[in-house]
Amino acid sequence: MSLQLETQLWVQALTRRANIEGSYSTIERVGDKERGDVLVKIIDGKGGGSVYGKAFNPDGPTVFRRLPQGSPAETESDANAYIEGRITSDPDLWIVEIQDHAGRHFLTERILPDKDPFS
């Protein structure tokens, strides 16, 4: 049995970490409070944007990766376009936006590399 943090609590912790470090964060969209998936949109202040989301990990602990897989978003408009497509297919989706001049994501989970090392 795996104990998972409720999504709402996890999102609140992420936004608080970002705000404590001096970045602006907001919850743009509220999904299912207990088990909704989360996308984290990062805006770097120079027009750059990226999206992070949970990735499958058969070993257990939650991991994240930049999305979309294979060709990650590079601009804020790329990030928004990807997110709009995901919202259409997942009504329980949470969207967190973090604006940070250095482009930090404040995720404490492991981040998978953009490129698959086995390909």
C-alpha atoms as a PDB file:
ATOM      1  CA  MET A   1       0.000   0.000   0.000  1.00  0.00           C
ATOM      2  CA  SER A   2       1.288   3.452  -0.929  1.00  0.00           C
ATOM      3  CA  LEU A   3       0.431   6.527   1.096  1.00  0.00           C
ATOM      4  CA  GLN A   4       0.010   9.540  -1.147  1.00  0.00           C
ATOM      5  CA  LEU A   5      -0.382  13.141  -0.154  1.00  0.00           C
ATOM      6  CA  GLU A   6      -3.698  14.653  -1.202  1.00  0.00           C
ATOM      7  CA  THR A   7      -3.238  16.755  -4.317  1.00  0.00           C
ATOM      8  CA  GLN A   8      -4.636  19.900  -2.704  1.00  0.00           C
ATOM      9  CA  LEU A   9      -2.108  19.737   0.150  1.00  0.00           C
ATOM     10  CA  TRP A  10       0.778  18.989  -2.249  1.00  0.00           C
ATOM     11  CA  VAL A  11      -0.161  21.989  -4.434  1.00  0.00           C
ATOM     12  CA  GLN A  12      -0.385  24.294  -1.412  1.00  0.00           C
ATOM     13  CA  ALA A  13       3.075  23.177  -0.258  1.00  0.00           C
ATOM     14  CA  LEU A  14       4.575  23.807  -3.716  1.00  0.00           C
ATOM     15  CA  THR A  15       3.110  27.314  -3.998  1.00  0.00           C
ATOM     16  CA  ARG A  16       4.253  28.139  -0.479  1.00  0.00           C
ATOM     17  CA  ARG A  17       7.839  26.998  -1.246  1.00  0.00           C
ATOM     18  CA  ALA A  18       7.916  29.224  -4.322  1.00  0.00           C
ATOM     19  CA  ASN A  19       6.461  32.232  -2.502  1.00  0.00           C
ATOM     20  CA  ILE A  20       8.873  31.871   0.443  1.00  0.00           C
ATOM     21  CA  GLU A  21      11.776  31.968  -2.045  1.00  0.00           C
ATOM     22  CA  GLY A  22      10.483  35.256  -3.491  1.00  0.00           C
ATOM     23  CA  SER A  23       8.780  33.940  -6.615  1.00  0.00           C
ATOM     24  CA  TYR A  24       5.172  34.486  -7.589  1.00  0.00           C
ATOM     25  CA  SER A  25       2.984  31.401  -7.723  1.00  0.00           C
ATOM     26  CA  THR A  26      -0.694  30.895  -8.253  1.00  0.00           C
ATOM     27  CA  ILE A  27      -3.138  28.050  -8.659  1.00  0.00           C
ATOM     28  CA  GLU A  28      -4.592  28.698 -12.110  1.00  0.00           C
ATOM     29  CA  ARG A  29      -6.943  25.736 -12.100  1.00  0.00           C
ATOM     30  CA  VAL A  30      -8.298  23.579  -9.283  1.00  0.00           C
ATOM     31  CA  GLY A  31      -8.785  19.906 -10.029  1.00  0.00           C
ATOM     32  CA  ASP A  32      -9.829  16.940  -7.919  1.00  0.00           C
ATOM     33  CA  LYS A  33      -8.775  17.740  -4.346  1.00  0.00           C
ATOM     34  CA  GLU A  34      -7.592  14.228  -3.530  1.00  0.00           C
ATOM     35  CA  ARG A  35      -6.250  12.576  -6.692  1.00  0.00           C
ATOM     36  CA  GLY A  36      -6.135  15.152  -9.490  1.00  0.00           C
ATOM     37  CA  ASP A  37      -3.056  15.260 -11.702  1.00  0.00           C
ATOM     38  CA  VAL A  38      -0.912  18.428 -11.592  1.00  0.00           C
ATOM     39  CA  LEU A  39       0.888  20.410 -14.268  1.00  0.00           C
ATOM     40  CA  VAL A  40       3.410  23.012 -13.121  1.00  0.00           C
ATOM     41  CA  LYS A  41       3.950  25.882 -15.564  1.00  0.00           C
ATOM     42  CA  ILE A  42       7.184  27.845 -15.130  1.00  0.00           C
ATOM     43  CA  ILE A  43       7.536  31.350 -16.587  1.00  0.00           C
ATOM     44  CA  ASP A  44      11.075  32.739 -16.452  1.00  0.00           C
ATOM     45  CA  GLY A  45      10.468  36.452 -17.089  1.00  0.00           C
ATOM     46  CA  LYS A  46      12.247  36.425 -20.473  1.00  0.00           C
ATOM     47  CA  GLY A  47       9.413  34.883 -22.473  1.00  0.00           C
ATOM     48  CA  GLY A  48      10.536  31.361 -21.685  1.00  0.00           C
ATOM     49  CA  GLY A  49       8.105  28.812 -20.387  1.00  0.00           C
ATOM     50  CA  SER A  50       8.106  25.170 -19.468  1.00  0.00           C
ATOM     51  CA  VAL A  51       5.682  22.599 -18.115  1.00  0.00           C
ATOM     52  CA  TYR A  52       6.406  19.829 -15.634  1.00  0.00           C
ATOM     53  CA  GLY A  53       4.132  16.881 -14.956  1.00  0.00           C
ATOM     54  CA  LYS A  54       4.229  13.544 -13.198  1.00  0.00           C
ATOM     55  CA  ALA A  55       5.890  10.699 -15.067  1.00  0.00           C
ATOM     56  CA  PHE A  56       5.452   6.957 -14.690  1.00  0.00           C
ATOM     57  CA  ASN A  57       7.907   5.418 -12.256  1.00  0.00           C
ATOM     58  CA  PRO A  58       7.607   1.663 -11.702  1.00  0.00           C
ATOM     59  CA  ASP A  59       9.952   1.927  -8.691  1.00  0.00           C
ATOM     60  CA  GLY A  60       7.433   3.891  -6.669  1.00  0.00           C
ATOM     61  CA  PRO A  61       8.346   7.466  -5.708  1.00  0.00           C
ATOM     62  CA  THR A  62       6.765  10.258  -7.721  1.00  0.00           C
ATOM     63  CA  VAL A  63       8.984  11.698 -10.451  1.00  0.00           C
ATOM     64  CA  PHE A  64       8.435  14.614 -12.809  1.00  0.00           C
ATOM     65  CA  ARG A  65       9.531  15.449 -16.342  1.00  0.00           C
ATOM     66  CA  ARG A  66       9.337  18.388 -18.707  1.00  0.00           C
ATOM     67  CA  LEU A  67       6.421  18.174 -21.100  1.00  0.00           C
ATOM     68  CA  PRO A  68       5.474  17.458 -23.771  1.00  0.00           C
ATOM     69  CA  GLN A  69       7.820  14.505 -23.771  1.00  0.00           C
ATOM     70  CA  GLY A  70      10.216  14.517 -26.715  1.00  0.00           C
ATOM     71  CA  SER A  71       9.884  18.245 -27.450  1.00  0.00           C
ATOM     72  CA  PRO A  72       9.418  20.183 -24.204  1.00  0.00           C
ATOM     73  CA  ALA A  73       7.751  23.592 -24.233  1.00  0.00           C
ATOM     74  CA  GLU A  74      10.260  26.432 -24.632  1.00  0.00           C
ATOM     75  CA  THR A  75       8.013  29.521 -24.550  1.00  0.00           C
ATOM     76  CA  GLU A  76       5.034  30.640 -22.504  1.00  0.00           C
ATOM     77  CA  SER A  77       2.763  30.223 -25.543  1.00  0.00           C
ATOM     78  CA  ASP A  78       4.063  26.642 -26.080  1.00  0.00           C
ATOM     79  CA  ALA A  79       3.334  25.900 -22.424  1.00  0.00           C
ATOM     80  CA  ASN A  80      -0.176  27.361 -22.640  1.00  0.00           C
ATOM     81  CA  ALA A  81      -0.985  25.411 -25.809  1.00  0.00           C
ATOM     82  CA  TYR A  82       0.104  22.128 -24.218  1.00  0.00           C
ATOM     83  CA  ILE A  83      -1.881  22.842 -21.052  1.00  0.00           C
ATOM     84  CA  GLU A  84      -5.063  23.699 -22.981  1.00  0.00           C
ATOM     85  CA  GLY A  85      -4.885  20.338 -24.736  1.00  0.00           C
ATOM     86  CA  ARG A  86      -4.470  18.501 -21.441  1.00  0.00           C
ATOM     87  CA  ILE A  87      -7.389  20.353 -19.803  1.00  0.00           C
ATOM     88  CA  THR A  88      -9.660  19.168 -22.612  1.00  0.00           C
ATOM     89  CA  SER A  89      -8.893  15.533 -21.827  1.00  0.00           C
ATOM     90  CA  ASP A  90      -8.612  15.747 -18.013  1.00  0.00           C
ATOM     91  CA  PRO A  91     -11.278  17.684 -16.084  1.00  0.00           C
ATOM     92  CA  ASP A  92      -9.584  16.855 -12.736  1.00  0.00           C
ATOM     93  CA  LEU A  93      -6.312  18.557 -13.705  1.00  0.00           C
ATOM     94  CA  TRP A  94      -4.640  21.146 -11.462  1.00  0.00           C
ATOM     95  CA  ILE A  95      -2.547  23.927 -13.033  1.00  0.00           C
ATOM     96  CA  VAL A  96       0.064  25.728 -10.927  1.00  0.00           C
ATOM     97  CA  GLU A  97       1.931  28.697 -12.416  1.00  0.00           C
ATOM     98  CA  ILE A  98       5.257  29.822 -10.991  1.00  0.00           C
ATOM     99  CA  GLN A  99       6.917  33.008 -12.199  1.00  0.00           C
ATOM    100  CA  ASP A 100      10.601  32.966 -11.342  1.00  0.00           C
ATOM    101  CA  HIS A 101      13.318  35.027 -13.057  1.00  0.00           C
ATOM    102  CA  ALA A 102      15.758  32.110 -12.839  1.00  0.00           C
ATOM    103  CA  GLY A 103      13.172  29.593 -14.115  1.00  0.00           C
ATOM    104  CA  ARG A 104      13.208  27.510 -10.909  1.00  0.00           C
ATOM    105  CA  HIS A 105      10.424  24.934 -10.501  1.00  0.00           C
ATOM    106  CA  PHE A 106      10.617  24.324  -6.704  1.00  0.00           C
ATOM    107  CA  LEU A 107       9.733  20.654  -7.137  1.00  0.00           C
ATOM    108  CA  THR A 108      11.394  18.446  -4.529  1.00  0.00           C
ATOM    109  CA  GLU A 109      10.718  15.267  -6.510  1.00  0.00           C
ATOM    110  CA  ARG A 110      13.290  13.809  -8.911  1.00  0.00           C
ATOM    111  CA  ILE A 111      13.169  15.306 -12.423  1.00  0.00           C
ATOM    112  CA  LEU A 112      13.753  12.902 -15.307  1.00  0.00           C
ATOM    113  CA  PRO A 113      16.095  14.039 -18.096  1.00  0.00           C
ATOM    114  CA  ASP A 114      14.544  15.530 -21.244  1.00  0.00           C
ATOM    115  CA  LYS A 115      16.205  12.890 -23.407  1.00  0.00           C
ATOM    116  CA  ASP A 116      15.779   9.192 -22.733  1.00  0.00           C
ATOM    117  CA  PRO A 117      19.305   7.919 -21.988  1.00  0.00           C
ATOM    118  CA  PHE A 118      18.420   4.557 -23.569  1.00  0.00           C
ATOM    119  CA  SER A 119      17.325   5.878 -26.966  1.00  0.00           C
END
